[in-house]
Amino acid sequence: MQVLNRSLLEITVSEVAEIFKEIRERPSRLFEMIRMDIREVVGKYLTELMNVELTHFLGRALRSDRRDSGQPS
């Protein structure tokens, strides 16, 4: 089983304070942020899922992976 890479989020205290201030001023902005984050996460998940399908189940790497490893496309 392959484990998806997890990204590390780095954020400063002032950035957190600014986000909370913006949410207090415009609560609907919170839902916009959530929607954007969900799209990004789902997109990354589906890309990784396709990569796993191609490499594990079909036995071939994506073209970009082959180029990186020096194999012909």
PDB file of N, CA and C in Angstrom:
ATOM      1  N   MET A   1       0.848  -1.178   0.000  1.00  0.00           N
ATOM      2  CA  MET A   1       0.000   0.000   0.000  1.00  0.00           C
ATOM      3  C   MET A   1       0.889   1.236   0.000  1.00  0.00           C
ATOM      4  N   GLN A   2       0.504   2.202  -0.805  1.00  0.00           N
ATOM      5  CA  GLN A   2       1.270   3.445  -0.886  1.00  0.00           C
ATOM      6  C   GLN A   2       0.603   4.515  -0.032  1.00  0.00           C
ATOM      7  N   VAL A   3       1.398   5.231   0.731  1.00  0.00           N
ATOM      8  CA  VAL A   3       0.883   6.309   1.577  1.00  0.00           C
ATOM      9  C   VAL A   3       1.070   7.621   0.835  1.00  0.00           C
ATOM     10  N   LEU A   4       0.025   8.429   0.784  1.00  0.00           N
ATOM     11  CA  LEU A   4       0.124   9.723   0.124  1.00  0.00           C
ATOM     12  C   LEU A   4       1.035  10.650   0.908  1.00  0.00           C
ATOM     13  N   ASN A   5       1.785  11.465   0.190  1.00  0.00           N
ATOM     14  CA  ASN A   5       2.654  12.449   0.841  1.00  0.00           C
ATOM     15  C   ASN A   5       1.803  13.500   1.514  1.00  0.00           C
ATOM     16  N   ARG A   6       2.182  13.881   2.681  1.00  0.00           N
ATOM     17  CA  ARG A   6       1.474  14.925   3.424  1.00  0.00           C
ATOM     18  C   ARG A   6       2.328  16.182   3.400  1.00  0.00           C
ATOM     19  N   SER A   7       1.698  17.302   3.146  1.00  0.00           N
ATOM     20  CA  SER A   7       2.404  18.577   3.115  1.00  0.00           C
ATOM     21  C   SER A   7       2.418  19.183   4.499  1.00  0.00           C
ATOM     22  N   LEU A   8       3.465  19.907   4.778  1.00  0.00           N
ATOM     23  CA  LEU A   8       3.585  20.614   6.046  1.00  0.00           C
ATOM     24  C   LEU A   8       3.165  22.054   5.812  1.00  0.00           C
ATOM     25  N   LEU A   9       2.238  22.531   6.612  1.00  0.00           N
ATOM     26  CA  LEU A   9       1.759  23.899   6.506  1.00  0.00           C
ATOM     27  C   LEU A   9       2.479  24.747   7.530  1.00  0.00           C
ATOM     28  N   GLU A  10       3.106  25.796   7.049  1.00  0.00           N
ATOM     29  CA  GLU A  10       3.773  26.731   7.949  1.00  0.00           C
ATOM     30  C   GLU A  10       3.028  28.048   7.874  1.00  0.00           C
ATOM     31  N   ILE A  11       2.651  28.577   9.036  1.00  0.00           N
ATOM     32  CA  ILE A  11       1.882  29.813   9.094  1.00  0.00           C
ATOM     33  C   ILE A  11       2.305  30.580  10.351  1.00  0.00           C
ATOM     34  N   THR A  12       2.370  31.885  10.218  1.00  0.00           N
ATOM     35  CA  THR A  12       2.776  32.699  11.356  1.00  0.00           C
ATOM     36  C   THR A  12       1.556  33.091  12.184  1.00  0.00           C
ATOM     37  N   VAL A  13       1.806  33.549  13.392  1.00  0.00           N
ATOM     38  CA  VAL A  13       0.729  33.982  14.280  1.00  0.00           C
ATOM     39  C   VAL A  13      -0.005  35.167  13.664  1.00  0.00           C
ATOM     40  N   SER A  14       0.714  36.077  13.050  1.00  0.00           N
ATOM     41  CA  SER A  14       0.065  37.235  12.436  1.00  0.00           C
ATOM     42  C   SER A  14      -0.822  36.819  11.268  1.00  0.00           C
ATOM     43  N   GLU A  15      -0.427  35.800  10.521  1.00  0.00           N
ATOM     44  CA  GLU A  15      -1.258  35.303   9.428  1.00  0.00           C
ATOM     45  C   GLU A  15      -2.545  34.673   9.962  1.00  0.00           C
ATOM     46  N   VAL A  16      -2.442  33.938  11.057  1.00  0.00           N
ATOM     47  CA  VAL A  16      -3.625  33.345  11.685  1.00  0.00           C
ATOM     48  C   VAL A  16      -4.558  34.442  12.164  1.00  0.00           C
ATOM     49  N   ALA A  17      -4.010  35.470  12.803  1.00  0.00           N
ATOM     50  CA  ALA A  17      -4.822  36.584  13.292  1.00  0.00           C
ATOM     51  C   ALA A  17      -5.537  37.277  12.138  1.00  0.00           C
ATOM     52  N   GLU A  18      -4.848  37.453  11.022  1.00  0.00           N
ATOM     53  CA  GLU A  18      -5.447  38.086   9.848  1.00  0.00           C
ATOM     54  C   GLU A  18      -6.583  37.234   9.281  1.00  0.00           C
ATOM     55  N   ILE A  19      -6.411  35.940   9.245  1.00  0.00           N
ATOM     56  CA  ILE A  19      -7.460  35.039   8.758  1.00  0.00           C
ATOM     57  C   ILE A  19      -8.685  35.125   9.658  1.00  0.00           C
ATOM     58  N   PHE A  20      -8.489  35.081  10.975  1.00  0.00           N
ATOM     59  CA  PHE A  20      -9.619  35.182  11.900  1.00  0.00           C
ATOM     60  C   PHE A  20     -10.333  36.528  11.767  1.00  0.00           C
ATOM     61  N   LYS A  21      -9.559  37.592  11.590  1.00  0.00           N
ATOM     62  CA  LYS A  21     -10.147  38.918  11.423  1.00  0.00           C
ATOM     63  C   LYS A  21     -11.020  38.943  10.169  1.00  0.00           C
ATOM     64  N   GLU A  22     -10.512  38.385   9.086  1.00  0.00           N
ATOM     65  CA  GLU A  22     -11.267  38.359   7.835  1.00  0.00           C
ATOM     66  C   GLU A  22     -12.543  37.525   7.966  1.00  0.00           C
ATOM     67  N   ILE A  23     -12.464  36.407   8.667  1.00  0.00           N
ATOM     68  CA  ILE A  23     -13.642  35.560   8.863  1.00  0.00           C
ATOM     69  C   ILE A  23     -14.679  36.286   9.713  1.00  0.00           C
ATOM     70  N   ARG A  24     -14.245  37.007  10.741  1.00  0.00           N
ATOM     71  CA  ARG A  24     -15.188  37.765  11.570  1.00  0.00           C
ATOM     72  C   ARG A  24     -15.890  38.847  10.762  1.00  0.00           C
ATOM     73  N   GLU A  25     -15.137  39.505   9.879  1.00  0.00           N
ATOM     74  CA  GLU A  25     -15.707  40.586   9.073  1.00  0.00           C
ATOM     75  C   GLU A  25     -16.613  40.053   7.967  1.00  0.00           C
ATOM     76  N   ARG A  26     -16.222  38.944   7.361  1.00  0.00           N
ATOM     77  CA  ARG A  26     -17.001  38.342   6.271  1.00  0.00           C
ATOM     78  C   ARG A  26     -17.098  36.838   6.492  1.00  0.00           C
ATOM     79  N   PRO A  27     -18.066  36.368   7.269  1.00  0.00           N
ATOM     80  CA  PRO A  27     -18.195  34.936   7.562  1.00  0.00           C
ATOM     81  C   PRO A  27     -18.327  34.062   6.314  1.00  0.00           C
ATOM     82  N   SER A  28     -18.917  34.580   5.248  1.00  0.00           N
ATOM     83  CA  SER A  28     -19.066  33.783   4.027  1.00  0.00           C
ATOM     84  C   SER A  28     -17.712  33.436   3.413  1.00  0.00           C
ATOM     85  N   ARG A  29     -16.699  34.219   3.721  1.00  0.00           N
ATOM     86  CA  ARG A  29     -15.336  33.969   3.215  1.00  0.00           C
ATOM     87  C   ARG A  29     -14.815  32.623   3.702  1.00  0.00           C
ATOM     88  N   LEU A  30     -15.226  32.196   4.883  1.00  0.00           N
ATOM     89  CA  LEU A  30     -14.797  30.909   5.415  1.00  0.00           C
ATOM     90  C   LEU A  30     -15.204  29.782   4.473  1.00  0.00           C
ATOM     91  N   PHE A  31     -16.431  29.831   3.985  1.00  0.00           N
ATOM     92  CA  PHE A  31     -16.910  28.788   3.085  1.00  0.00           C
ATOM     93  C   PHE A  31     -16.181  28.819   1.749  1.00  0.00           C
ATOM     94  N   GLU A  32     -15.819  30.013   1.284  1.00  0.00           N
ATOM     95  CA  GLU A  32     -15.025  30.123   0.057  1.00  0.00           C
ATOM     96  C   GLU A  32     -13.668  29.460   0.250  1.00  0.00           C
ATOM     97  N   MET A  33     -13.032  29.697   1.409  1.00  0.00           N
ATOM     98  CA  MET A  33     -11.732  29.090   1.714  1.00  0.00           C
ATOM     99  C   MET A  33     -11.848  27.566   1.759  1.00  0.00           C
ATOM    100  N   ILE A  34     -12.897  27.082   2.379  1.00  0.00           N
ATOM    101  CA  ILE A  34     -13.097  25.634   2.494  1.00  0.00           C
ATOM    102  C   ILE A  34     -13.280  25.014   1.113  1.00  0.00           C
ATOM    103  N   ARG A  35     -14.088  25.664   0.265  1.00  0.00           N
ATOM    104  CA  ARG A  35     -14.321  25.140  -1.088  1.00  0.00           C
ATOM    105  C   ARG A  35     -13.029  25.077  -1.883  1.00  0.00           C
ATOM    106  N   MET A  36     -12.216  26.120  -1.803  1.00  0.00           N
ATOM    107  CA  MET A  36     -10.948  26.132  -2.533  1.00  0.00           C
ATOM    108  C   MET A  36     -10.032  25.023  -2.035  1.00  0.00           C
ATOM    109  N   ASP A  37      -9.970  24.845  -0.719  1.00  0.00           N
ATOM    110  CA  ASP A  37      -9.115  23.816  -0.143  1.00  0.00           C
ATOM    111  C   ASP A  37      -9.586  22.423  -0.549  1.00  0.00           C
ATOM    112  N   ILE A  38     -10.892  22.198  -0.545  1.00  0.00           N
ATOM    113  CA  ILE A  38     -11.427  20.890  -0.914  1.00  0.00           C
ATOM    114  C   ILE A  38     -11.094  20.581  -2.367  1.00  0.00           C
ATOM    115  N   ARG A  39     -11.238  21.557  -3.262  1.00  0.00           N
ATOM    116  CA  ARG A  39     -10.901  21.334  -4.676  1.00  0.00           C
ATOM    117  C   ARG A  39      -9.435  20.942  -4.829  1.00  0.00           C
ATOM    118  N   GLU A  40      -8.565  21.640  -4.123  1.00  0.00           N
ATOM    119  CA  GLU A  40      -7.134  21.361  -4.218  1.00  0.00           C
ATOM    120  C   GLU A  40      -6.816  19.960  -3.691  1.00  0.00           C
ATOM    121  N   VAL A  41      -7.359  19.612  -2.546  1.00  0.00           N
ATOM    122  CA  VAL A  41      -7.095  18.311  -1.937  1.00  0.00           C
ATOM    123  C   VAL A  41      -7.627  17.182  -2.814  1.00  0.00           C
ATOM    124  N   VAL A  42      -8.843  17.341  -3.321  1.00  0.00           N
ATOM    125  CA  VAL A  42      -9.433  16.312  -4.178  1.00  0.00           C
ATOM    126  C   VAL A  42      -8.626  16.169  -5.467  1.00  0.00           C
ATOM    127  N   GLY A  43      -8.191  17.286  -6.028  1.00  0.00           N
ATOM    128  CA  GLY A  43      -7.372  17.233  -7.239  1.00  0.00           C
ATOM    129  C   GLY A  43      -6.079  16.476  -7.021  1.00  0.00           C
ATOM    130  N   LYS A  44      -5.398  16.759  -5.924  1.00  0.00           N
ATOM    131  CA  LYS A  44      -4.154  16.047  -5.611  1.00  0.00           C
ATOM    132  C   LYS A  44      -4.421  14.566  -5.367  1.00  0.00           C
ATOM    133  N   TYR A  45      -5.519  14.262  -4.669  1.00  0.00           N
ATOM    134  CA  TYR A  45      -5.872  12.870  -4.379  1.00  0.00           C
ATOM    135  C   TYR A  45      -6.129  12.106  -5.674  1.00  0.00           C
ATOM    136  N   LEU A  46      -6.911  12.676  -6.573  1.00  0.00           N
ATOM    137  CA  LEU A  46      -7.234  11.993  -7.824  1.00  0.00           C
ATOM    138  C   LEU A  46      -5.994  11.800  -8.695  1.00  0.00           C
ATOM    139  N   THR A  47      -5.107  12.785  -8.711  1.00  0.00           N
ATOM    140  CA  THR A  47      -3.858  12.648  -9.459  1.00  0.00           C
ATOM    141  C   THR A  47      -3.024  11.498  -8.909  1.00  0.00           C
ATOM    142  N   GLU A  48      -2.888  11.443  -7.599  1.00  0.00           N
ATOM    143  CA  GLU A  48      -2.117  10.362  -6.967  1.00  0.00           C
ATOM    144  C   GLU A  48      -2.792   9.013  -7.195  1.00  0.00           C
ATOM    145  N   LEU A  49      -4.116   8.970  -7.139  1.00  0.00           N
ATOM    146  CA  LEU A  49      -4.847   7.729  -7.383  1.00  0.00           C
ATOM    147  C   LEU A  49      -4.592   7.221  -8.798  1.00  0.00           C
ATOM    148  N   MET A  50      -4.629   8.108  -9.788  1.00  0.00           N
ATOM    149  CA  MET A  50      -4.354   7.711 -11.169  1.00  0.00           C
ATOM    150  C   MET A  50      -2.923   7.202 -11.311  1.00  0.00           C
ATOM    151  N   ASN A  51      -1.993   7.853 -10.644  1.00  0.00           N
ATOM    152  CA  ASN A  51      -0.595   7.434 -10.680  1.00  0.00           C
ATOM    153  C   ASN A  51      -0.451   6.026 -10.116  1.00  0.00           C
ATOM    154  N   VAL A  52      -1.099   5.763  -8.989  1.00  0.00           N
ATOM    155  CA  VAL A  52      -1.041   4.446  -8.363  1.00  0.00           C
ATOM    156  C   VAL A  52      -1.679   3.402  -9.279  1.00  0.00           C
ATOM    157  N   GLU A  53      -2.819   3.740  -9.876  1.00  0.00           N
ATOM    158  CA  GLU A  53      -3.493   2.816 -10.794  1.00  0.00           C
ATOM    159  C   GLU A  53      -2.568   2.438 -11.941  1.00  0.00           C
ATOM    160  N   LEU A  54      -1.945   3.438 -12.551  1.00  0.00           N
ATOM    161  CA  LEU A  54      -1.083   3.162 -13.701  1.00  0.00           C
ATOM    162  C   LEU A  54       0.163   2.380 -13.321  1.00  0.00           C
ATOM    163  N   THR A  55       0.791   2.739 -12.217  1.00  0.00           N
ATOM    164  CA  THR A  55       2.048   2.087 -11.867  1.00  0.00           C
ATOM    165  C   THR A  55       1.844   0.727 -11.207  1.00  0.00           C
ATOM    166  N   HIS A  56       0.913   0.633 -10.300  1.00  0.00           N
ATOM    167  CA  HIS A  56       0.746  -0.615  -9.555  1.00  0.00           C
ATOM    168  C   HIS A  56      -0.074  -1.647 -10.323  1.00  0.00           C
ATOM    169  N   PHE A  57      -1.250  -1.271 -10.740  1.00  0.00           N
ATOM    170  CA  PHE A  57      -2.151  -2.236 -11.345  1.00  0.00           C
ATOM    171  C   PHE A  57      -1.846  -2.495 -12.817  1.00  0.00           C
ATOM    172  N   LEU A  58      -1.407  -1.503 -13.557  1.00  0.00           N
ATOM    173  CA  LEU A  58      -1.122  -1.694 -14.979  1.00  0.00           C
ATOM    174  C   LEU A  58       0.363  -1.921 -15.243  1.00  0.00           C
ATOM    175  N   GLY A  59       1.188  -1.675 -14.244  1.00  0.00           N
ATOM    176  CA  GLY A  59       2.615  -1.953 -14.354  1.00  0.00           C
ATOM    177  C   GLY A  59       3.395  -0.971 -15.197  1.00  0.00           C
ATOM    178  N   ARG A  60       2.939   0.258 -15.292  1.00  0.00           N
ATOM    179  CA  ARG A  60       3.716   1.246 -16.047  1.00  0.00           C
ATOM    180  C   ARG A  60       3.648   2.599 -15.342  1.00  0.00           C
ATOM    181  N   ALA A  61       4.736   3.325 -15.472  1.00  0.00           N
ATOM    182  CA  ALA A  61       4.810   4.643 -14.834  1.00  0.00           C
ATOM    183  C   ALA A  61       4.228   5.696 -15.757  1.00  0.00           C
ATOM    184  N   LEU A  62       3.868   6.830 -15.185  1.00  0.00           N
ATOM    185  CA  LEU A  62       3.416   7.957 -15.992  1.00  0.00           C
ATOM    186  C   LEU A  62       4.569   8.451 -16.843  1.00  0.00           C
ATOM    187  N   ARG A  63       4.266   9.073 -17.969  1.00  0.00           N
ATOM    188  CA  ARG A  63       5.329   9.562 -18.857  1.00  0.00           C
ATOM    189  C   ARG A  63       6.275  10.510 -18.149  1.00  0.00           C
ATOM    190  N   SER A  64       5.753  11.382 -17.307  1.00  0.00           N
ATOM    191  CA  SER A  64       6.614  12.329 -16.600  1.00  0.00           C
ATOM    192  C   SER A  64       7.575  11.592 -15.663  1.00  0.00           C
ATOM    193  N   ASP A  65       7.121  10.479 -15.050  1.00  0.00           N
ATOM    194  CA  ASP A  65       7.991   9.693 -14.181  1.00  0.00           C
ATOM    195  C   ASP A  65       9.090   9.025 -14.998  1.00  0.00           C
ATOM    196  N   ARG A  66       8.763   8.542 -16.193  1.00  0.00           N
ATOM    197  CA  ARG A  66       9.764   7.890 -17.034  1.00  0.00           C
ATOM    198  C   ARG A  66      10.797   8.894 -17.508  1.00  0.00           C
ATOM    199  N   ARG A  67      10.357  10.098 -17.862  1.00  0.00           N
ATOM    200  CA  ARG A  67      11.310  11.121 -18.282  1.00  0.00           C
ATOM    201  C   ARG A  67      12.274  11.452 -17.163  1.00  0.00           C
ATOM    202  N   ASP A  68      11.771  11.532 -15.949  1.00  0.00           N
ATOM    203  CA  ASP A  68      12.610  11.857 -14.792  1.00  0.00           C
ATOM    204  C   ASP A  68      13.644  10.775 -14.537  1.00  0.00           C
ATOM    205  N   SER A  69      13.279   9.519 -14.827  1.00  0.00           N
ATOM    206  CA  SER A  69      14.199   8.423 -14.543  1.00  0.00           C
ATOM    207  C   SER A  69      15.122   8.108 -15.730  1.00  0.00           C
ATOM    208  N   GLY A  70      14.958   8.842 -16.873  1.00  0.00           N
ATOM    209  CA  GLY A  70      15.819   8.630 -18.005  1.00  0.00           C
ATOM    210  C   GLY A  70      15.332   7.546 -18.958  1.00  0.00           C
ATOM    211  N   GLN A  71      14.184   6.953 -18.718  1.00  0.00           N
ATOM    212  CA  GLN A  71      13.635   5.931 -19.589  1.00  0.00           C
ATOM    213  C   GLN A  71      12.960   6.595 -20.779  1.00  0.00           C
ATOM    214  N   PRO A  72      12.958   5.923 -21.943  1.00  0.00           N
ATOM    215  CA  PRO A  72      12.265   6.509 -23.109  1.00  0.00           C
ATOM    216  C   PRO A  72      10.758   6.512 -22.895  1.00  0.00           C
ATOM    217  N   SER A  73      10.073   7.506 -23.488  1.00  0.00           N
ATOM    218  CA  SER A  73       8.614   7.613 -23.370  1.00  0.00           C
ATOM    219  C   SER A  73       7.917   6.641 -24.287  1.00  0.00           C
TER     220      SER A  73
END
